[in-house]
């Protein structure tokens, strides 16, 4: 597990994810004009809007899995 600190809605927090998930996130951030913090904040806002998972780390894992599955299916 790797931890990264971030400020979300003015509150400092940290996310602990496996390196493989961080790699997916880092690639996704590079494909946007967003900062790392802005990208994570966007995912957090989606999580809150969808009311799907209460835990941000779990939401990000599912998001990363879905993203990679979609990318694999394009080929």
PDB file of N, CA and C in Angstrom:
ATOM      1  N   UNK A   1       0.838  -1.176   0.000  1.00  0.00           N
ATOM      2  CA  UNK A   1       0.000   0.000   0.000  1.00  0.00           C
ATOM      3  C   UNK A   1       0.886   1.243   0.000  1.00  0.00           C
ATOM      4  N   UNK A   2       0.432   2.208  -0.741  1.00  0.00           N
ATOM      5  CA  UNK A   2       1.114   3.495  -0.770  1.00  0.00           C
ATOM      6  C   UNK A   2       0.109   4.561  -0.364  1.00  0.00           C
ATOM      7  N   UNK A   3       0.561   5.461   0.502  1.00  0.00           N
ATOM      8  CA  UNK A   3      -0.305   6.559   0.941  1.00  0.00           C
ATOM      9  C   UNK A   3       0.094   7.842   0.239  1.00  0.00           C
ATOM     10  N   UNK A   4      -0.934   8.615  -0.110  1.00  0.00           N
ATOM     11  CA  UNK A   4      -0.719   9.964  -0.640  1.00  0.00           C
ATOM     12  C   UNK A   4      -1.664  10.893   0.103  1.00  0.00           C
ATOM     13  N   UNK A   5      -1.150  12.055   0.437  1.00  0.00           N
ATOM     14  CA  UNK A   5      -1.956  13.045   1.152  1.00  0.00           C
ATOM     15  C   UNK A   5      -2.598  13.992   0.155  1.00  0.00           C
ATOM     16  N   UNK A   6      -3.780  14.458   0.525  1.00  0.00           N
ATOM     17  CA  UNK A   6      -4.531  15.364  -0.347  1.00  0.00           C
ATOM     18  C   UNK A   6      -5.464  16.208   0.503  1.00  0.00           C
ATOM     19  N   UNK A   7      -5.837  17.351  -0.018  1.00  0.00           N
ATOM     20  CA  UNK A   7      -6.817  18.198   0.641  1.00  0.00           C
ATOM     21  C   UNK A   7      -8.106  18.152  -0.177  1.00  0.00           C
ATOM     22  N   UNK A   8      -9.171  17.714   0.445  1.00  0.00           N
ATOM     23  CA  UNK A   8     -10.486  17.634  -0.195  1.00  0.00           C
ATOM     24  C   UNK A   8     -11.468  18.500   0.565  1.00  0.00           C
ATOM     25  N   UNK A   9     -12.028  19.454  -0.135  1.00  0.00           N
ATOM     26  CA  UNK A   9     -12.993  20.370   0.470  1.00  0.00           C
ATOM     27  C   UNK A   9     -12.422  21.031   1.722  1.00  0.00           C
ATOM     28  N   UNK A  10     -11.136  21.349   1.656  1.00  0.00           N
ATOM     29  CA  UNK A  10     -10.491  22.035   2.766  1.00  0.00           C
ATOM     30  C   UNK A  10     -10.062  21.149   3.914  1.00  0.00           C
ATOM     31  N   UNK A  11     -10.212  19.847   3.785  1.00  0.00           N
ATOM     32  CA  UNK A  11      -9.814  18.918   4.837  1.00  0.00           C
ATOM     33  C   UNK A  11      -8.686  18.032   4.333  1.00  0.00           C
ATOM     34  N   UNK A  12      -7.624  17.960   5.107  1.00  0.00           N
ATOM     35  CA  UNK A  12      -6.519  17.090   4.723  1.00  0.00           C
ATOM     36  C   UNK A  12      -6.871  15.648   5.033  1.00  0.00           C
ATOM     37  N   UNK A  13      -6.545  14.789   4.080  1.00  0.00           N
ATOM     38  CA  UNK A  13      -6.781  13.368   4.254  1.00  0.00           C
ATOM     39  C   UNK A  13      -5.699  12.615   3.502  1.00  0.00           C
ATOM     40  N   UNK A  14      -5.644  11.331   3.690  1.00  0.00           N
ATOM     41  CA  UNK A  14      -4.700  10.527   2.929  1.00  0.00           C
ATOM     42  C   UNK A  14      -5.437   9.328   2.342  1.00  0.00           C
ATOM     43  N   UNK A  15      -4.951   8.901   1.204  1.00  0.00           N
ATOM     44  CA  UNK A  15      -5.505   7.735   0.538  1.00  0.00           C
ATOM     45  C   UNK A  15      -4.435   6.659   0.498  1.00  0.00           C
ATOM     46  N   UNK A  16      -4.793   5.454   0.846  1.00  0.00           N
ATOM     47  CA  UNK A  16      -3.873   4.326   0.776  1.00  0.00           C
ATOM     48  C   UNK A  16      -4.392   3.367  -0.289  1.00  0.00           C
ATOM     49  N   UNK A  17      -3.609   3.218  -1.346  1.00  0.00           N
ATOM     50  CA  UNK A  17      -3.969   2.322  -2.442  1.00  0.00           C
ATOM     51  C   UNK A  17      -2.748   1.510  -2.847  1.00  0.00           C
ATOM     52  N   UNK A  18      -2.999   0.409  -3.507  1.00  0.00           N
ATOM     53  CA  UNK A  18      -1.941  -0.404  -4.057  1.00  0.00           C
ATOM     54  C   UNK A  18      -1.282   0.359  -5.217  1.00  0.00           C
ATOM     55  N   UNK A  19       0.013   0.116  -5.456  1.00  0.00           N
ATOM     56  CA  UNK A  19       0.722   0.827  -6.528  1.00  0.00           C
ATOM     57  C   UNK A  19       0.057   0.686  -7.905  1.00  0.00           C
ATOM     58  N   UNK A  20      -0.555  -0.432  -8.165  1.00  0.00           N
ATOM     59  CA  UNK A  20      -1.213  -0.638  -9.453  1.00  0.00           C
ATOM     60  C   UNK A  20      -2.359   0.342  -9.673  1.00  0.00           C
ATOM     61  N   UNK A  21      -3.094   0.655  -8.617  1.00  0.00           N
ATOM     62  CA  UNK A  21      -4.175   1.626  -8.729  1.00  0.00           C
ATOM     63  C   UNK A  21      -3.626   3.040  -8.893  1.00  0.00           C
ATOM     64  N   UNK A  22      -2.552   3.358  -8.181  1.00  0.00           N
ATOM     65  CA  UNK A  22      -1.932   4.670  -8.350  1.00  0.00           C
ATOM     66  C   UNK A  22      -1.442   4.845  -9.778  1.00  0.00           C
ATOM     67  N   UNK A  23      -0.936   3.773 -10.390  1.00  0.00           N
ATOM     68  CA  UNK A  23      -0.459   3.856 -11.771  1.00  0.00           C
ATOM     69  C   UNK A  23      -1.599   4.214 -12.720  1.00  0.00           C
ATOM     70  N   UNK A  24      -2.771   3.628 -12.510  1.00  0.00           N
ATOM     71  CA  UNK A  24      -3.936   3.942 -13.344  1.00  0.00           C
ATOM     72  C   UNK A  24      -4.329   5.400 -13.152  1.00  0.00           C
ATOM     73  N   UNK A  25      -4.358   5.844 -11.914  1.00  0.00           N
ATOM     74  CA  UNK A  25      -4.722   7.235 -11.619  1.00  0.00           C
ATOM     75  C   UNK A  25      -3.701   8.198 -12.229  1.00  0.00           C
ATOM     76  N   UNK A  26      -2.429   7.896 -12.069  1.00  0.00           N
ATOM     77  CA  UNK A  26      -1.397   8.784 -12.617  1.00  0.00           C
ATOM     78  C   UNK A  26      -1.518   8.902 -14.137  1.00  0.00           C
ATOM     79  N   UNK A  27      -1.803   7.803 -14.830  1.00  0.00           N
ATOM     80  CA  UNK A  27      -1.998   7.857 -16.282  1.00  0.00           C
ATOM     81  C   UNK A  27      -3.213   8.705 -16.627  1.00  0.00           C
ATOM     82  N   UNK A  28      -4.287   8.528 -15.875  1.00  0.00           N
ATOM     83  CA  UNK A  28      -5.514   9.287 -16.137  1.00  0.00           C
ATOM     84  C   UNK A  28      -5.281  10.778 -15.913  1.00  0.00           C
ATOM     85  N   UNK A  29      -4.557  11.139 -14.867  1.00  0.00           N
ATOM     86  CA  UNK A  29      -4.278  12.551 -14.585  1.00  0.00           C
ATOM     87  C   UNK A  29      -3.466  13.152 -15.727  1.00  0.00           C
ATOM     88  N   UNK A  30      -2.496  12.413 -16.238  1.00  0.00           N
ATOM     89  CA  UNK A  30      -1.659  12.916 -17.334  1.00  0.00           C
ATOM     90  C   UNK A  30      -2.472  13.169 -18.603  1.00  0.00           C
ATOM     91  N   UNK A  31      -3.580  12.468 -18.761  1.00  0.00           N
ATOM     92  CA  UNK A  31      -4.427  12.623 -19.942  1.00  0.00           C
ATOM     93  C   UNK A  31      -5.369  13.821 -19.832  1.00  0.00           C
ATOM     94  N   UNK A  32      -5.362  14.479 -18.695  1.00  0.00           N
ATOM     95  CA  UNK A  32      -6.233  15.640 -18.474  1.00  0.00           C
ATOM     96  C   UNK A  32      -5.390  16.883 -18.258  1.00  0.00           C
ATOM     97  N   UNK A  33      -6.046  18.003 -18.165  1.00  0.00           N
ATOM     98  CA  UNK A  33      -5.370  19.251 -17.813  1.00  0.00           C
ATOM     99  C   UNK A  33      -5.529  19.547 -16.324  1.00  0.00           C
ATOM    100  N   UNK A  34      -5.896  18.534 -15.558  1.00  0.00           N
ATOM    101  CA  UNK A  34      -6.157  18.720 -14.137  1.00  0.00           C
ATOM    102  C   UNK A  34      -4.920  18.395 -13.311  1.00  0.00           C
ATOM    103  N   UNK A  35      -4.879  18.962 -12.128  1.00  0.00           N
ATOM    104  CA  UNK A  35      -3.852  18.583 -11.163  1.00  0.00           C
ATOM    105  C   UNK A  35      -4.271  17.257 -10.528  1.00  0.00           C
ATOM    106  N   UNK A  36      -3.328  16.621  -9.839  1.00  0.00           N
ATOM    107  CA  UNK A  36      -3.650  15.386  -9.123  1.00  0.00           C
ATOM    108  C   UNK A  36      -4.776  15.634  -8.122  1.00  0.00           C
ATOM    109  N   UNK A  37      -4.642  16.722  -7.351  1.00  0.00           N
ATOM    110  CA  UNK A  37      -5.661  17.033  -6.341  1.00  0.00           C
ATOM    111  C   UNK A  37      -7.015  17.305  -6.980  1.00  0.00           C
ATOM    112  N   UNK A  38      -7.018  18.027  -8.084  1.00  0.00           N
ATOM    113  CA  UNK A  38      -8.268  18.306  -8.776  1.00  0.00           C
ATOM    114  C   UNK A  38      -8.917  17.049  -9.316  1.00  0.00           C
ATOM    115  N   UNK A  39      -8.095  16.141  -9.808  1.00  0.00           N
ATOM    116  CA  UNK A  39      -8.616  14.884 -10.352  1.00  0.00           C
ATOM    117  C   UNK A  39      -9.260  14.052  -9.248  1.00  0.00           C
ATOM    118  N   UNK A  40      -8.574  13.927  -8.126  1.00  0.00           N
ATOM    119  CA  UNK A  40      -9.125  13.156  -7.001  1.00  0.00           C
ATOM    120  C   UNK A  40     -10.385  13.839  -6.466  1.00  0.00           C
ATOM    121  N   UNK A  41     -10.375  15.162  -6.418  1.00  0.00           N
ATOM    122  CA  UNK A  41     -11.566  15.897  -5.962  1.00  0.00           C
ATOM    123  C   UNK A  41     -12.750  15.617  -6.889  1.00  0.00           C
ATOM    124  N   UNK A  42     -12.488  15.528  -8.194  1.00  0.00           N
ATOM    125  CA  UNK A  42     -13.561  15.214  -9.143  1.00  0.00           C
ATOM    126  C   UNK A  42     -14.117  13.815  -8.889  1.00  0.00           C
ATOM    127  N   UNK A  43     -13.236  12.846  -8.654  1.00  0.00           N
ATOM    128  CA  UNK A  43     -13.701  11.492  -8.336  1.00  0.00           C
ATOM    129  C   UNK A  43     -14.508  11.483  -7.035  1.00  0.00           C
ATOM    130  N   UNK A  44     -14.057  12.252  -6.055  1.00  0.00           N
ATOM    131  CA  UNK A  44     -14.776  12.330  -4.785  1.00  0.00           C
ATOM    132  C   UNK A  44     -16.166  12.927  -4.992  1.00  0.00           C
ATOM    133  N   UNK A  45     -16.261  13.956  -5.823  1.00  0.00           N
ATOM    134  CA  UNK A  45     -17.562  14.567  -6.112  1.00  0.00           C
ATOM    135  C   UNK A  45     -18.480  13.570  -6.826  1.00  0.00           C
ATOM    136  N   UNK A  46     -17.924  12.793  -7.745  1.00  0.00           N
ATOM    137  CA  UNK A  46     -18.717  11.760  -8.433  1.00  0.00           C
ATOM    138  C   UNK A  46     -19.221  10.730  -7.427  1.00  0.00           C
ATOM    139  N   UNK A  47     -18.338  10.331  -6.507  1.00  0.00           N
ATOM    140  CA  UNK A  47     -18.712   9.345  -5.483  1.00  0.00           C
ATOM    141  C   UNK A  47     -19.876   9.854  -4.651  1.00  0.00           C
ATOM    142  N   UNK A  48     -19.797  11.106  -4.250  1.00  0.00           N
ATOM    143  CA  UNK A  48     -20.857  11.693  -3.423  1.00  0.00           C
ATOM    144  C   UNK A  48     -22.152  11.794  -4.226  1.00  0.00           C
ATOM    145  N   UNK A  49     -22.044  12.226  -5.478  1.00  0.00           N
ATOM    146  CA  UNK A  49     -23.224  12.369  -6.327  1.00  0.00           C
ATOM    147  C   UNK A  49     -23.899  11.026  -6.590  1.00  0.00           C
ATOM    148  N   UNK A  50     -23.096   9.992  -6.828  1.00  0.00           N
ATOM    149  CA  UNK A  50     -23.640   8.667  -7.131  1.00  0.00           C
ATOM    150  C   UNK A  50     -24.153   7.944  -5.887  1.00  0.00           C
ATOM    151  N   UNK A  51     -23.677   8.364  -4.722  1.00  0.00           N
ATOM    152  CA  UNK A  51     -24.062   7.719  -3.465  1.00  0.00           C
ATOM    153  C   UNK A  51     -23.834   6.208  -3.524  1.00  0.00           C
ATOM    154  N   UNK A  52     -22.743   5.819  -4.203  1.00  0.00           N
ATOM    155  CA  UNK A  52     -22.515   4.398  -4.423  1.00  0.00           C
ATOM    156  C   UNK A  52     -21.655   3.743  -3.348  1.00  0.00           C
ATOM    157  N   UNK A  53     -20.540   4.309  -3.035  1.00  0.00           N
ATOM    158  CA  UNK A  53     -19.652   3.733  -2.023  1.00  0.00           C
ATOM    159  C   UNK A  53     -19.263   4.827  -1.037  1.00  0.00           C
ATOM    160  N   UNK A  54     -19.258   4.509   0.213  1.00  0.00           N
ATOM    161  CA  UNK A  54     -18.936   5.518   1.217  1.00  0.00           C
ATOM    162  C   UNK A  54     -17.437   5.762   1.323  1.00  0.00           C
ATOM    163  N   UNK A  55     -16.633   4.785   0.997  1.00  0.00           N
ATOM    164  CA  UNK A  55     -15.196   4.883   1.161  1.00  0.00           C
ATOM    165  C   UNK A  55     -14.552   5.349  -0.142  1.00  0.00           C
ATOM    166  N   UNK A  56     -13.807   6.449  -0.101  1.00  0.00           N
ATOM    167  CA  UNK A  56     -13.196   7.004  -1.304  1.00  0.00           C
ATOM    168  C   UNK A  56     -12.186   6.037  -1.912  1.00  0.00           C
ATOM    169  N   UNK A  57     -11.379   5.389  -1.106  1.00  0.00           N
ATOM    170  CA  UNK A  57     -10.391   4.446  -1.634  1.00  0.00           C
ATOM    171  C   UNK A  57     -11.079   3.312  -2.395  1.00  0.00           C
ATOM    172  N   UNK A  58     -12.159   2.796  -1.858  1.00  0.00           N
ATOM    173  CA  UNK A  58     -12.902   1.732  -2.544  1.00  0.00           C
ATOM    174  C   UNK A  58     -13.491   2.237  -3.853  1.00  0.00           C
ATOM    175  N   UNK A  59     -14.021   3.449  -3.828  1.00  0.00           N
ATOM    176  CA  UNK A  59     -14.594   4.038  -5.036  1.00  0.00           C
ATOM    177  C   UNK A  59     -13.523   4.173  -6.115  1.00  0.00           C
ATOM    178  N   UNK A  60     -12.346   4.621  -5.723  1.00  0.00           N
ATOM    179  CA  UNK A  60     -11.263   4.797  -6.690  1.00  0.00           C
ATOM    180  C   UNK A  60     -10.808   3.460  -7.247  1.00  0.00           C
ATOM    181  N   UNK A  61     -10.742   2.436  -6.414  1.00  0.00           N
ATOM    182  CA  UNK A  61     -10.369   1.110  -6.926  1.00  0.00           C
ATOM    183  C   UNK A  61     -11.356   0.633  -7.985  1.00  0.00           C
ATOM    184  N   UNK A  62     -12.632   0.768  -7.711  1.00  0.00           N
ATOM    185  CA  UNK A  62     -13.659   0.348  -8.674  1.00  0.00           C
ATOM    186  C   UNK A  62     -13.574   1.204  -9.936  1.00  0.00           C
ATOM    187  N   UNK A  63     -13.380   2.512  -9.770  1.00  0.00           N
ATOM    188  CA  UNK A  63     -13.240   3.401 -10.922  1.00  0.00           C
ATOM    189  C   UNK A  63     -12.065   2.965 -11.797  1.00  0.00           C
ATOM    190  N   UNK A  64     -10.918   2.687 -11.160  1.00  0.00           N
ATOM    191  CA  UNK A  64      -9.718   2.285 -11.904  1.00  0.00           C
ATOM    192  C   UNK A  64      -9.937   0.954 -12.625  1.00  0.00           C
ATOM    193  N   UNK A  65     -10.584   0.017 -11.962  1.00  0.00           N
ATOM    194  CA  UNK A  65     -10.876  -1.271 -12.597  1.00  0.00           C
ATOM    195  C   UNK A  65     -11.783  -1.078 -13.800  1.00  0.00           C
ATOM    196  N   UNK A  66     -12.820  -0.282 -13.654  1.00  0.00           N
ATOM    197  CA  UNK A  66     -13.736  -0.008 -14.774  1.00  0.00           C
ATOM    198  C   UNK A  66     -13.012   0.695 -15.910  1.00  0.00           C
ATOM    199  N   UNK A  67     -12.154   1.635 -15.590  1.00  0.00           N
ATOM    200  CA  UNK A  67     -11.412   2.367 -16.618  1.00  0.00           C
ATOM    201  C   UNK A  67     -10.519   1.427 -17.421  1.00  0.00           C
ATOM    202  N   UNK A  68      -9.798   0.575 -16.727  1.00  0.00           N
ATOM    203  CA  UNK A  68      -8.900  -0.346 -17.412  1.00  0.00           C
ATOM    204  C   UNK A  68      -9.669  -1.398 -18.207  1.00  0.00           C
ATOM    205  N   UNK A  69     -10.805  -1.822 -17.706  1.00  0.00           N
ATOM    206  CA  UNK A  69     -11.649  -2.772 -18.444  1.00  0.00           C
ATOM    207  C   UNK A  69     -12.161  -2.148 -19.730  1.00  0.00           C
ATOM    208  N   UNK A  70     -12.621  -0.904 -19.656  1.00  0.00           N
ATOM    209  CA  UNK A  70     -13.076  -0.195 -20.845  1.00  0.00           C
ATOM    210  C   UNK A  70     -11.954  -0.019 -21.854  1.00  0.00           C
ATOM    211  N   UNK A  71     -10.780   0.322 -21.381  1.00  0.00           N
ATOM    212  CA  UNK A  71      -9.622   0.487 -22.277  1.00  0.00           C
ATOM    213  C   UNK A  71      -9.268  -0.831 -22.959  1.00  0.00           C
ATOM    214  N   UNK A  72      -9.311  -1.913 -22.216  1.00  0.00           N
ATOM    215  CA  UNK A  72      -8.983  -3.234 -22.777  1.00  0.00           C
ATOM    216  C   UNK A  72     -10.004  -3.653 -23.814  1.00  0.00           C
ATOM    217  N   UNK A  73     -11.265  -3.302 -23.603  1.00  0.00           N
ATOM    218  CA  UNK A  73     -12.324  -3.695 -24.524  1.00  0.00           C
ATOM    219  C   UNK A  73     -12.277  -2.910 -25.830  1.00  0.00           C
ATOM    220  N   UNK A  74     -11.556  -1.796 -25.859  1.00  0.00           N
ATOM    221  CA  UNK A  74     -11.450  -0.993 -27.085  1.00  0.00           C
ATOM    222  C   UNK A  74     -10.538  -1.666 -28.104  1.00  0.00           C
ATOM    223  N   UNK A  75      -9.697  -2.573 -27.634  1.00  0.00           N
ATOM    224  CA  UNK A  75      -8.752  -3.219 -28.542  1.00  0.00           C
ATOM    225  C   UNK A  75      -9.248  -4.519 -29.054  1.00  0.00           C
TER     226      UNK A  75
END
